[in-house]
mmCIF file of all heavy atoms, coordinates in Angstrom:
data_MODEL
# 
_entry.id   MODEL 
# 
loop_
_atom_site.group_PDB 
_atom_site.id 
_atom_site.type_symbol 
_atom_site.label_atom_id 
_atom_site.label_alt_id 
_atom_site.label_comp_id 
_atom_site.label_asym_id 
_atom_site.label_entity_id 
_atom_site.label_seq_id 
_atom_site.pdbx_PDB_ins_code 
_atom_site.Cartn_x 
_atom_site.Cartn_y 
_atom_site.Cartn_z 
_atom_site.occupancy 
_atom_site.B_iso_or_equiv 
_atom_site.pdbx_formal_charge 
_atom_site.auth_seq_id 
_atom_site.auth_comp_id 
_atom_site.auth_asym_id 
_atom_site.auth_atom_id 
_atom_site.pdbx_PDB_model_num 
ATOM 1   N N   . TYR A 1 1  ? 13.185  8.018   4.614   1.00 0.00 ? 1  TYR A N   1 
ATOM 2   C CA  . TYR A 1 1  ? 11.818  8.552   4.786   1.00 0.00 ? 1  TYR A CA  1 
ATOM 3   C C   . TYR A 1 1  ? 11.082  7.807   5.891   1.00 0.00 ? 1  TYR A C   1 
ATOM 4   O O   . TYR A 1 1  ? 10.104  7.106   5.638   1.00 0.00 ? 1  TYR A O   1 
ATOM 5   C CB  . TYR A 1 1  ? 11.049  8.437   3.470   1.00 0.00 ? 1  TYR A CB  1 
ATOM 6   C CG  . TYR A 1 1  ? 11.762  9.091   2.314   1.00 0.00 ? 1  TYR A CG  1 
ATOM 7   C CD1 . TYR A 1 1  ? 12.478  8.319   1.391   1.00 0.00 ? 1  TYR A CD1 1 
ATOM 8   C CD2 . TYR A 1 1  ? 11.739  10.469  2.145   1.00 0.00 ? 1  TYR A CD2 1 
ATOM 9   C CE1 . TYR A 1 1  ? 13.145  8.923   0.327   1.00 0.00 ? 1  TYR A CE1 1 
ATOM 10  C CE2 . TYR A 1 1  ? 12.397  11.074  1.088   1.00 0.00 ? 1  TYR A CE2 1 
ATOM 11  C CZ  . TYR A 1 1  ? 13.098  10.292  0.189   1.00 0.00 ? 1  TYR A CZ  1 
ATOM 12  O OH  . TYR A 1 1  ? 13.751  10.882  -0.853  1.00 0.00 ? 1  TYR A OH  1 
ATOM 13  N N   . PRO A 1 2  ? 11.499  7.964   7.132   1.00 0.00 ? 2  PRO A N   1 
ATOM 14  C CA  . PRO A 1 2  ? 10.904  7.185   8.218   1.00 0.00 ? 2  PRO A CA  1 
ATOM 15  C C   . PRO A 1 2  ? 9.435   7.528   8.497   1.00 0.00 ? 2  PRO A C   1 
ATOM 16  O O   . PRO A 1 2  ? 8.732   6.734   9.117   1.00 0.00 ? 2  PRO A O   1 
ATOM 17  C CB  . PRO A 1 2  ? 11.792  7.529   9.422   1.00 0.00 ? 2  PRO A CB  1 
ATOM 18  C CG  . PRO A 1 2  ? 12.401  8.840   9.083   1.00 0.00 ? 2  PRO A CG  1 
ATOM 19  C CD  . PRO A 1 2  ? 12.568  8.854   7.600   1.00 0.00 ? 2  PRO A CD  1 
ATOM 20  N N   . ASP A 1 3  ? 8.956   8.681   8.011   1.00 0.00 ? 3  ASP A N   1 
ATOM 21  C CA  . ASP A 1 3  ? 7.567   9.070   8.266   1.00 0.00 ? 3  ASP A CA  1 
ATOM 22  C C   . ASP A 1 3  ? 6.570   8.495   7.266   1.00 0.00 ? 3  ASP A C   1 
ATOM 23  O O   . ASP A 1 3  ? 5.365   8.619   7.463   1.00 0.00 ? 3  ASP A O   1 
ATOM 24  C CB  . ASP A 1 3  ? 7.445   10.602  8.268   1.00 0.00 ? 3  ASP A CB  1 
ATOM 25  C CG  . ASP A 1 3  ? 8.210   11.240  9.421   1.00 0.00 ? 3  ASP A CG  1 
ATOM 26  O OD1 . ASP A 1 3  ? 8.405   10.555  10.450  1.00 0.00 ? 3  ASP A OD1 1 
ATOM 27  O OD2 . ASP A 1 3  ? 8.601   12.414  9.297   1.00 0.00 ? 3  ASP A OD2 1 
ATOM 28  N N   . LEU A 1 4  ? 7.053   7.874   6.206   1.00 0.00 ? 4  LEU A N   1 
ATOM 29  C CA  . LEU A 1 4  ? 6.134   7.280   5.234   1.00 0.00 ? 4  LEU A CA  1 
ATOM 30  C C   . LEU A 1 4  ? 5.499   6.021   5.810   1.00 0.00 ? 4  LEU A C   1 
ATOM 31  O O   . LEU A 1 4  ? 6.059   5.369   6.695   1.00 0.00 ? 4  LEU A O   1 
ATOM 32  C CB  . LEU A 1 4  ? 6.870   6.902   3.949   1.00 0.00 ? 4  LEU A CB  1 
ATOM 33  C CG  . LEU A 1 4  ? 7.342   8.027   3.039   1.00 0.00 ? 4  LEU A CG  1 
ATOM 34  C CD1 . LEU A 1 4  ? 8.049   7.446   1.807   1.00 0.00 ? 4  LEU A CD1 1 
ATOM 35  C CD2 . LEU A 1 4  ? 6.198   8.909   2.599   1.00 0.00 ? 4  LEU A CD2 1 
ATOM 36  N N   . VAL A 1 5  ? 4.350   5.669   5.269   1.00 0.00 ? 5  VAL A N   1 
ATOM 37  C CA  . VAL A 1 5  ? 3.709   4.396   5.595   1.00 0.00 ? 5  VAL A CA  1 
ATOM 38  C C   . VAL A 1 5  ? 4.214   3.385   4.575   1.00 0.00 ? 5  VAL A C   1 
ATOM 39  O O   . VAL A 1 5  ? 4.226   3.657   3.377   1.00 0.00 ? 5  VAL A O   1 
ATOM 40  C CB  . VAL A 1 5  ? 2.173   4.526   5.517   1.00 0.00 ? 5  VAL A CB  1 
ATOM 41  C CG1 . VAL A 1 5  ? 1.511   3.181   5.749   1.00 0.00 ? 5  VAL A CG1 1 
ATOM 42  C CG2 . VAL A 1 5  ? 1.677   5.573   6.505   1.00 0.00 ? 5  VAL A CG2 1 
ATOM 43  N N   . PHE A 1 6  ? 4.653   2.221   5.035   1.00 0.00 ? 6  PHE A N   1 
ATOM 44  C CA  . PHE A 1 6  ? 5.228   1.210   4.158   1.00 0.00 ? 6  PHE A CA  1 
ATOM 45  C C   . PHE A 1 6  ? 4.323   -0.013  4.081   1.00 0.00 ? 6  PHE A C   1 
ATOM 46  O O   . PHE A 1 6  ? 3.628   -0.350  5.045   1.00 0.00 ? 6  PHE A O   1 
ATOM 47  C CB  . PHE A 1 6  ? 6.622   0.799   4.648   1.00 0.00 ? 6  PHE A CB  1 
ATOM 48  C CG  . PHE A 1 6  ? 7.594   1.937   4.619   1.00 0.00 ? 6  PHE A CG  1 
ATOM 49  C CD1 . PHE A 1 6  ? 7.860   2.677   5.757   1.00 0.00 ? 6  PHE A CD1 1 
ATOM 50  C CD2 . PHE A 1 6  ? 8.216   2.284   3.432   1.00 0.00 ? 6  PHE A CD2 1 
ATOM 51  C CE1 . PHE A 1 6  ? 8.751   3.738   5.725   1.00 0.00 ? 6  PHE A CE1 1 
ATOM 52  C CE2 . PHE A 1 6  ? 9.104   3.346   3.384   1.00 0.00 ? 6  PHE A CE2 1 
ATOM 53  C CZ  . PHE A 1 6  ? 9.373   4.075   4.537   1.00 0.00 ? 6  PHE A CZ  1 
ATOM 54  N N   . SER A 1 7  ? 4.346   -0.669  2.943   1.00 0.00 ? 7  SER A N   1 
ATOM 55  C CA  . SER A 1 7  ? 3.561   -1.870  2.714   1.00 0.00 ? 7  SER A CA  1 
ATOM 56  C C   . SER A 1 7  ? 4.451   -2.917  2.062   1.00 0.00 ? 7  SER A C   1 
ATOM 57  O O   . SER A 1 7  ? 5.260   -2.598  1.193   1.00 0.00 ? 7  SER A O   1 
ATOM 58  C CB  . SER A 1 7  ? 2.371   -1.552  1.801   1.00 0.00 ? 7  SER A CB  1 
ATOM 59  O OG  . SER A 1 7  ? 1.711   -2.741  1.423   1.00 0.00 ? 7  SER A OG  1 
ATOM 60  N N   . THR A 1 8  ? 4.276   -4.154  2.492   1.00 0.00 ? 8  THR A N   1 
ATOM 61  C CA  . THR A 1 8  ? 4.992   -5.269  1.875   1.00 0.00 ? 8  THR A CA  1 
ATOM 62  C C   . THR A 1 8  ? 3.988   -6.367  1.536   1.00 0.00 ? 8  THR A C   1 
ATOM 63  O O   . THR A 1 8  ? 2.880   -6.415  2.086   1.00 0.00 ? 8  THR A O   1 
ATOM 64  C CB  . THR A 1 8  ? 6.056   -5.861  2.815   1.00 0.00 ? 8  THR A CB  1 
ATOM 65  O OG1 . THR A 1 8  ? 5.395   -6.394  3.969   1.00 0.00 ? 8  THR A OG1 1 
ATOM 66  C CG2 . THR A 1 8  ? 7.080   -4.817  3.221   1.00 0.00 ? 8  THR A CG2 1 
ATOM 67  N N   . ARG A 1 9  ? 4.387   -7.252  0.658   1.00 0.00 ? 9  ARG A N   1 
ATOM 68  C CA  . ARG A 1 9  ? 3.527   -8.382  0.303   1.00 0.00 ? 9  ARG A CA  1 
ATOM 69  C C   . ARG A 1 9  ? 3.279   -9.293  1.499   1.00 0.00 ? 9  ARG A C   1 
ATOM 70  O O   . ARG A 1 9  ? 2.237   -9.925  1.597   1.00 0.00 ? 9  ARG A O   1 
ATOM 71  C CB  . ARG A 1 9  ? 4.169   -9.196  -0.814  1.00 0.00 ? 9  ARG A CB  1 
ATOM 72  C CG  . ARG A 1 9  ? 4.166   -8.491  -2.124  1.00 0.00 ? 9  ARG A CG  1 
ATOM 73  C CD  . ARG A 1 9  ? 4.887   -9.315  -3.167  1.00 0.00 ? 9  ARG A CD  1 
ATOM 74  N NE  . ARG A 1 9  ? 4.849   -8.604  -4.429  1.00 0.00 ? 9  ARG A NE  1 
ATOM 75  C CZ  . ARG A 1 9  ? 4.780   -9.181  -5.593  1.00 0.00 ? 9  ARG A CZ  1 
ATOM 76  N NH1 . ARG A 1 9  ? 4.765   -10.489 -5.688  1.00 0.00 ? 9  ARG A NH1 1 
ATOM 77  N NH2 . ARG A 1 9  ? 4.752   -8.475  -6.691  1.00 0.00 ? 9  ARG A NH2 1 
ATOM 78  N N   . GLU A 1 10 ? 4.254   -9.362  2.389   1.00 0.00 ? 10 GLU A N   1 
ATOM 79  C CA  . GLU A 1 10 ? 4.105   -10.241 3.550   1.00 0.00 ? 10 GLU A CA  1 
ATOM 80  C C   . GLU A 1 10 ? 3.018   -9.729  4.503   1.00 0.00 ? 10 GLU A C   1 
ATOM 81  O O   . GLU A 1 10 ? 2.266   -10.518 5.076   1.00 0.00 ? 10 GLU A O   1 
ATOM 82  C CB  . GLU A 1 10 ? 5.434   -10.360 4.311   1.00 0.00 ? 10 GLU A CB  1 
ATOM 83  C CG  . GLU A 1 10 ? 6.544   -11.054 3.550   1.00 0.00 ? 10 GLU A CG  1 
ATOM 84  C CD  . GLU A 1 10 ? 7.214   -10.168 2.501   1.00 0.00 ? 10 GLU A CD  1 
ATOM 85  O OE1 . GLU A 1 10 ? 7.132   -8.931  2.597   1.00 0.00 ? 10 GLU A OE1 1 
ATOM 86  O OE2 . GLU A 1 10 ? 7.800   -10.733 1.568   1.00 0.00 ? 10 GLU A OE2 1 
ATOM 87  N N   . VAL A 1 11 ? 2.916   -8.412  4.648   1.00 0.00 ? 11 VAL A N   1 
ATOM 88  C CA  . VAL A 1 11 ? 1.925   -7.830  5.560   1.00 0.00 ? 11 VAL A CA  1 
ATOM 89  C C   . VAL A 1 11 ? 0.573   -7.659  4.864   1.00 0.00 ? 11 VAL A C   1 
ATOM 90  O O   . VAL A 1 11 ? -0.468  -7.955  5.434   1.00 0.00 ? 11 VAL A O   1 
ATOM 91  C CB  . VAL A 1 11 ? 2.421   -6.471  6.112   1.00 0.00 ? 11 VAL A CB  1 
ATOM 92  C CG1 . VAL A 1 11 ? 1.351   -5.788  6.936   1.00 0.00 ? 11 VAL A CG1 1 
ATOM 93  C CG2 . VAL A 1 11 ? 3.687   -6.670  6.936   1.00 0.00 ? 11 VAL A CG2 1 
ATOM 94  N N   . GLU A 1 12 ? 0.587   -7.188  3.623   1.00 0.00 ? 12 GLU A N   1 
ATOM 95  C CA  . GLU A 1 12 ? -0.643  -6.990  2.843   1.00 0.00 ? 12 GLU A CA  1 
ATOM 96  C C   . GLU A 1 12 ? -0.471  -7.616  1.468   1.00 0.00 ? 12 GLU A C   1 
ATOM 97  O O   . GLU A 1 12 ? -0.007  -6.971  0.530   1.00 0.00 ? 12 GLU A O   1 
ATOM 98  C CB  . GLU A 1 12 ? -0.970  -5.497  2.721   1.00 0.00 ? 12 GLU A CB  1 
ATOM 99  C CG  . GLU A 1 12 ? -2.190  -5.175  1.880   1.00 0.00 ? 12 GLU A CG  1 
ATOM 100 C CD  . GLU A 1 12 ? -3.443  -5.922  2.295   1.00 0.00 ? 12 GLU A CD  1 
ATOM 101 O OE1 . GLU A 1 12 ? -4.074  -5.495  3.278   1.00 0.00 ? 12 GLU A OE1 1 
ATOM 102 O OE2 . GLU A 1 12 ? -3.796  -6.932  1.656   1.00 0.00 ? 12 GLU A OE2 1 
ATOM 103 N N   . PRO A 1 13 ? -0.814  -8.898  1.347   1.00 0.00 ? 13 PRO A N   1 
ATOM 104 C CA  . PRO A 1 13 ? -0.604  -9.570  0.062   1.00 0.00 ? 13 PRO A CA  1 
ATOM 105 C C   . PRO A 1 13 ? -1.579  -9.116  -1.024  1.00 0.00 ? 13 PRO A C   1 
ATOM 106 O O   . PRO A 1 13 ? -1.311  -9.287  -2.200  1.00 0.00 ? 13 PRO A O   1 
ATOM 107 C CB  . PRO A 1 13 ? -0.803  -11.050 0.396   1.00 0.00 ? 13 PRO A CB  1 
ATOM 108 C CG  . PRO A 1 13 ? -1.618  -11.058 1.633   1.00 0.00 ? 13 PRO A CG  1 
ATOM 109 C CD  . PRO A 1 13 ? -1.295  -9.800  2.375   1.00 0.00 ? 13 PRO A CD  1 
ATOM 110 N N   . GLU A 1 14 ? -2.699  -8.542  -0.638  1.00 0.00 ? 14 GLU A N   1 
ATOM 111 C CA  . GLU A 1 14 ? -3.734  -8.160  -1.600  1.00 0.00 ? 14 GLU A CA  1 
ATOM 112 C C   . GLU A 1 14 ? -3.492  -6.754  -2.136  1.00 0.00 ? 14 GLU A C   1 
ATOM 113 O O   . GLU A 1 14 ? -3.863  -5.763  -1.523  1.00 0.00 ? 14 GLU A O   1 
ATOM 114 C CB  . GLU A 1 14 ? -5.118  -8.259  -0.968  1.00 0.00 ? 14 GLU A CB  1 
ATOM 115 C CG  . GLU A 1 14 ? -6.260  -8.044  -1.924  1.00 0.00 ? 14 GLU A CG  1 
ATOM 116 C CD  . GLU A 1 14 ? -6.205  -8.946  -3.148  1.00 0.00 ? 14 GLU A CD  1 
ATOM 117 O OE1 . GLU A 1 14 ? -6.055  -10.169 -2.998  1.00 0.00 ? 14 GLU A OE1 1 
ATOM 118 O OE2 . GLU A 1 14 ? -6.312  -8.399  -4.256  1.00 0.00 ? 14 GLU A OE2 1 
ATOM 119 N N   . PHE A 1 15 ? -2.849  -6.653  -3.309  1.00 0.00 ? 15 PHE A N   1 
ATOM 120 C CA  . PHE A 1 15 ? -2.522  -5.377  -3.928  1.00 0.00 ? 15 PHE A CA  1 
ATOM 121 C C   . PHE A 1 15 ? -3.774  -4.548  -4.229  1.00 0.00 ? 15 PHE A C   1 
ATOM 122 O O   . PHE A 1 15 ? -3.782  -3.328  -4.044  1.00 0.00 ? 15 PHE A O   1 
ATOM 123 C CB  . PHE A 1 15 ? -1.714  -5.622  -5.207  1.00 0.00 ? 15 PHE A CB  1 
ATOM 124 C CG  . PHE A 1 15 ? -1.372  -4.379  -5.964  1.00 0.00 ? 15 PHE A CG  1 
ATOM 125 C CD1 . PHE A 1 15 ? -0.527  -3.430  -5.417  1.00 0.00 ? 15 PHE A CD1 1 
ATOM 126 C CD2 . PHE A 1 15 ? -1.894  -4.146  -7.223  1.00 0.00 ? 15 PHE A CD2 1 
ATOM 127 C CE1 . PHE A 1 15 ? -0.200  -2.275  -6.110  1.00 0.00 ? 15 PHE A CE1 1 
ATOM 128 C CE2 . PHE A 1 15 ? -1.570  -2.997  -7.921  1.00 0.00 ? 15 PHE A CE2 1 
ATOM 129 C CZ  . PHE A 1 15 ? -0.724  -2.068  -7.360  1.00 0.00 ? 15 PHE A CZ  1 
ATOM 130 N N   . TYR A 1 16 ? -4.846  -5.196  -4.682  1.00 0.00 ? 16 TYR A N   1 
ATOM 131 C CA  . TYR A 1 16 ? -6.061  -4.441  -5.024  1.00 0.00 ? 16 TYR A CA  1 
ATOM 132 C C   . TYR A 1 16 ? -6.667  -3.747  -3.810  1.00 0.00 ? 16 TYR A C   1 
ATOM 133 O O   . TYR A 1 16 ? -7.261  -2.690  -3.927  1.00 0.00 ? 16 TYR A O   1 
ATOM 134 C CB  . TYR A 1 16 ? -7.093  -5.347  -5.699  1.00 0.00 ? 16 TYR A CB  1 
ATOM 135 C CG  . TYR A 1 16 ? -6.717  -5.674  -7.122  1.00 0.00 ? 16 TYR A CG  1 
ATOM 136 C CD1 . TYR A 1 16 ? -6.310  -6.951  -7.472  1.00 0.00 ? 16 TYR A CD1 1 
ATOM 137 C CD2 . TYR A 1 16 ? -6.754  -4.692  -8.106  1.00 0.00 ? 16 TYR A CD2 1 
ATOM 138 C CE1 . TYR A 1 16 ? -5.959  -7.249  -8.783  1.00 0.00 ? 16 TYR A CE1 1 
ATOM 139 C CE2 . TYR A 1 16 ? -6.404  -4.980  -9.412  1.00 0.00 ? 16 TYR A CE2 1 
ATOM 140 C CZ  . TYR A 1 16 ? -6.009  -6.257  -9.748  1.00 0.00 ? 16 TYR A CZ  1 
ATOM 141 O OH  . TYR A 1 16 ? -5.656  -6.543  -11.039 1.00 0.00 ? 16 TYR A OH  1 
ATOM 142 N N   . ARG A 1 17 ? -6.508  -4.322  -2.645  1.00 0.00 ? 17 ARG A N   1 
ATOM 143 C CA  . ARG A 1 17 ? -7.020  -3.675  -1.434  1.00 0.00 ? 17 ARG A CA  1 
ATOM 144 C C   . ARG A 1 17 ? -6.331  -2.318  -1.239  1.00 0.00 ? 17 ARG A C   1 
ATOM 145 O O   . ARG A 1 17 ? -6.954  -1.334  -0.860  1.00 0.00 ? 17 ARG A O   1 
ATOM 146 C CB  . ARG A 1 17 ? -6.821  -4.581  -0.220  1.00 0.00 ? 17 ARG A CB  1 
ATOM 147 C CG  . ARG A 1 17 ? -7.614  -4.150  0.975   1.00 0.00 ? 17 ARG A CG  1 
ATOM 148 C CD  . ARG A 1 17 ? -7.549  -5.076  2.189   1.00 0.00 ? 17 ARG A CD  1 
ATOM 149 N NE  . ARG A 1 17 ? -6.816  -6.311  2.102   1.00 0.00 ? 17 ARG A NE  1 
ATOM 150 C CZ  . ARG A 1 17 ? -7.371  -7.524  1.987   1.00 0.00 ? 17 ARG A CZ  1 
ATOM 151 N NH1 . ARG A 1 17 ? -8.681  -7.651  1.925   1.00 0.00 ? 17 ARG A NH1 1 
ATOM 152 N NH2 . ARG A 1 17 ? -6.623  -8.616  1.955   1.00 0.00 ? 17 ARG A NH2 1 
ATOM 153 N N   . LEU A 1 18 ? -5.039  -2.273  -1.517  1.00 0.00 ? 18 LEU A N   1 
ATOM 154 C CA  . LEU A 1 18 ? -4.316  -0.995  -1.445  1.00 0.00 ? 18 LEU A CA  1 
ATOM 155 C C   . LEU A 1 18 ? -4.814  -0.011  -2.500  1.00 0.00 ? 18 LEU A C   1 
ATOM 156 O O   . LEU A 1 18 ? -4.999  1.167   -2.221  1.00 0.00 ? 18 LEU A O   1 
ATOM 157 C CB  . LEU A 1 18 ? -2.816  -1.215  -1.614  1.00 0.00 ? 18 LEU A CB  1 
ATOM 158 C CG  . LEU A 1 18 ? -2.081  -1.872  -0.473  1.00 0.00 ? 18 LEU A CG  1 
ATOM 159 C CD1 . LEU A 1 18 ? -0.637  -2.148  -0.865  1.00 0.00 ? 18 LEU A CD1 1 
ATOM 160 C CD2 . LEU A 1 18 ? -2.123  -1.005  0.768   1.00 0.00 ? 18 LEU A CD2 1 
ATOM 161 N N   . LEU A 1 19 ? -5.007  -0.513  -3.711  1.00 0.00 ? 19 LEU A N   1 
ATOM 162 C CA  . LEU A 1 19 ? -5.495  0.372   -4.776  1.00 0.00 ? 19 LEU A CA  1 
ATOM 163 C C   . LEU A 1 19 ? -6.860  0.952   -4.439  1.00 0.00 ? 19 LEU A C   1 
ATOM 164 O O   . LEU A 1 19 ? -7.080  2.154   -4.575  1.00 0.00 ? 19 LEU A O   1 
ATOM 165 C CB  . LEU A 1 19 ? -5.577  -0.380  -6.108  1.00 0.00 ? 19 LEU A CB  1 
ATOM 166 C CG  . LEU A 1 19 ? -4.287  -0.566  -6.872  1.00 0.00 ? 19 LEU A CG  1 
ATOM 167 C CD1 . LEU A 1 19 ? -4.533  -1.360  -8.152  1.00 0.00 ? 19 LEU A CD1 1 
ATOM 168 C CD2 . LEU A 1 19 ? -3.636  0.757   -7.194  1.00 0.00 ? 19 LEU A CD2 1 
ATOM 169 N N   . TYR A 1 20 ? -7.776  0.100   -4.024  1.00 0.00 ? 20 TYR A N   1 
ATOM 170 C CA  . TYR A 1 20 ? -9.127  0.582   -3.722  1.00 0.00 ? 20 TYR A CA  1 
ATOM 171 C C   . TYR A 1 20 ? -9.136  1.564   -2.557  1.00 0.00 ? 20 TYR A C   1 
ATOM 172 O O   . TYR A 1 20 ? -10.010 2.406   -2.460  1.00 0.00 ? 20 TYR A O   1 
ATOM 173 C CB  . TYR A 1 20 ? -10.073 -0.586  -3.439  1.00 0.00 ? 20 TYR A CB  1 
ATOM 174 C CG  . TYR A 1 20 ? -10.432 -1.386  -4.672  1.00 0.00 ? 20 TYR A CG  1 
ATOM 175 C CD1 . TYR A 1 20 ? -10.308 -2.768  -4.681  1.00 0.00 ? 20 TYR A CD1 1 
ATOM 176 C CD2 . TYR A 1 20 ? -10.892 -0.761  -5.825  1.00 0.00 ? 20 TYR A CD2 1 
ATOM 177 C CE1 . TYR A 1 20 ? -10.637 -3.512  -5.801  1.00 0.00 ? 20 TYR A CE1 1 
ATOM 178 C CE2 . TYR A 1 20 ? -11.220 -1.496  -6.948  1.00 0.00 ? 20 TYR A CE2 1 
ATOM 179 C CZ  . TYR A 1 20 ? -11.091 -2.865  -6.932  1.00 0.00 ? 20 TYR A CZ  1 
ATOM 180 O OH  . TYR A 1 20 ? -11.418 -3.597  -8.047  1.00 0.00 ? 20 TYR A OH  1 
ATOM 181 N N   . GLY A 1 21 ? -8.148  1.480   -1.705  1.00 0.00 ? 21 GLY A N   1 
ATOM 182 C CA  . GLY A 1 21 ? -8.069  2.387   -0.565  1.00 0.00 ? 21 GLY A CA  1 
ATOM 183 C C   . GLY A 1 21 ? -7.278  3.650   -0.848  1.00 0.00 ? 21 GLY A C   1 
ATOM 184 O O   . GLY A 1 21 ? -7.056  4.455   0.052   1.00 0.00 ? 21 GLY A O   1 
ATOM 185 N N   . SER A 1 22 ? -6.842  3.821   -2.095  1.00 0.00 ? 22 SER A N   1 
ATOM 186 C CA  . SER A 1 22 ? -6.035  4.993   -2.431  1.00 0.00 ? 22 SER A CA  1 
ATOM 187 C C   . SER A 1 22 ? -6.736  5.857   -3.467  1.00 0.00 ? 22 SER A C   1 
ATOM 188 O O   . SER A 1 22 ? -7.647  5.402   -4.166  1.00 0.00 ? 22 SER A O   1 
ATOM 189 C CB  . SER A 1 22 ? -4.668  4.550   -2.974  1.00 0.00 ? 22 SER A CB  1 
ATOM 190 O OG  . SER A 1 22 ? -4.816  3.956   -4.249  1.00 0.00 ? 22 SER A OG  1 
ATOM 191 N N   . SER A 1 23 ? -6.304  7.087   -3.587  1.00 0.00 ? 23 SER A N   1 
ATOM 192 C CA  . SER A 1 23 ? -6.897  7.981   -4.577  1.00 0.00 ? 23 SER A CA  1 
ATOM 193 C C   . SER A 1 23 ? -6.101  7.991   -5.879  1.00 0.00 ? 23 SER A C   1 
ATOM 194 O O   . SER A 1 23 ? -6.642  8.305   -6.929  1.00 0.00 ? 23 SER A O   1 
ATOM 195 C CB  . SER A 1 23 ? -7.009  9.400   -4.020  1.00 0.00 ? 23 SER A CB  1 
ATOM 196 O OG  . SER A 1 23 ? -5.735  9.904   -3.693  1.00 0.00 ? 23 SER A OG  1 
ATOM 197 N N   . ILE A 1 24 ? -4.827  7.646   -5.809  1.00 0.00 ? 24 ILE A N   1 
ATOM 198 C CA  . ILE A 1 24 ? -3.995  7.599   -7.005  1.00 0.00 ? 24 ILE A CA  1 
ATOM 199 C C   . ILE A 1 24 ? -2.823  6.652   -6.750  1.00 0.00 ? 24 ILE A C   1 
ATOM 200 O O   . ILE A 1 24 ? -2.358  6.508   -5.627  1.00 0.00 ? 24 ILE A O   1 
ATOM 201 C CB  . ILE A 1 24 ? -3.493  9.001   -7.404  1.00 0.00 ? 24 ILE A CB  1 
ATOM 202 C CG1 . ILE A 1 24 ? -2.832  8.970   -8.776  1.00 0.00 ? 24 ILE A CG1 1 
ATOM 203 C CG2 . ILE A 1 24 ? -2.566  9.587   -6.354  1.00 0.00 ? 24 ILE A CG2 1 
ATOM 204 C CD1 . ILE A 1 24 ? -2.654  10.344  -9.401  1.00 0.00 ? 24 ILE A CD1 1 
ATOM 205 N N   . MET A 1 25 ? -2.365  6.025   -7.835  1.00 0.00 ? 25 MET A N   1 
ATOM 206 C CA  . MET A 1 25 ? -1.218  5.130   -7.739  1.00 0.00 ? 25 MET A CA  1 
ATOM 207 C C   . MET A 1 25 ? -0.112  5.690   -8.620  1.00 0.00 ? 25 MET A C   1 
ATOM 208 O O   . MET A 1 25 ? -0.386  6.163   -9.722  1.00 0.00 ? 25 MET A O   1 
ATOM 209 C CB  . MET A 1 25 ? -1.611  3.731   -8.230  1.00 0.00 ? 25 MET A CB  1 
ATOM 210 C CG  . MET A 1 25 ? -0.661  2.630   -7.801  1.00 0.00 ? 25 MET A CG  1 
ATOM 211 S SD  . MET A 1 25 ? 0.671   2.232   -8.933  1.00 0.00 ? 25 MET A SD  1 
ATOM 212 C CE  . MET A 1 25 ? -0.159  1.356   -10.208 1.00 0.00 ? 25 MET A CE  1 
ATOM 213 N N   . ILE A 1 26 ? 1.111   5.665   -8.124  1.00 0.00 ? 26 ILE A N   1 
ATOM 214 C CA  . ILE A 1 26 ? 2.266   6.064   -8.918  1.00 0.00 ? 26 ILE A CA  1 
ATOM 215 C C   . ILE A 1 26 ? 3.148   4.829   -9.085  1.00 0.00 ? 26 ILE A C   1 
ATOM 216 O O   . ILE A 1 26 ? 3.672   4.302   -8.109  1.00 0.00 ? 26 ILE A O   1 
ATOM 217 C CB  . ILE A 1 26 ? 3.058   7.207   -8.251  1.00 0.00 ? 26 ILE A CB  1 
ATOM 218 C CG1 . ILE A 1 26 ? 2.142   8.410   -8.034  1.00 0.00 ? 26 ILE A CG1 1 
ATOM 219 C CG2 . ILE A 1 26 ? 4.262   7.582   -9.112  1.00 0.00 ? 26 ILE A CG2 1 
ATOM 220 C CD1 . ILE A 1 26 ? 2.771   9.530   -7.225  1.00 0.00 ? 26 ILE A CD1 1 
# 
């Protein structure tokens, strides 16, 4: 899936920042 946006702990260690910026989490 090369078109997906990927996130790692090394690049974005703050998980809550991702949650607050999203509409739903799976």
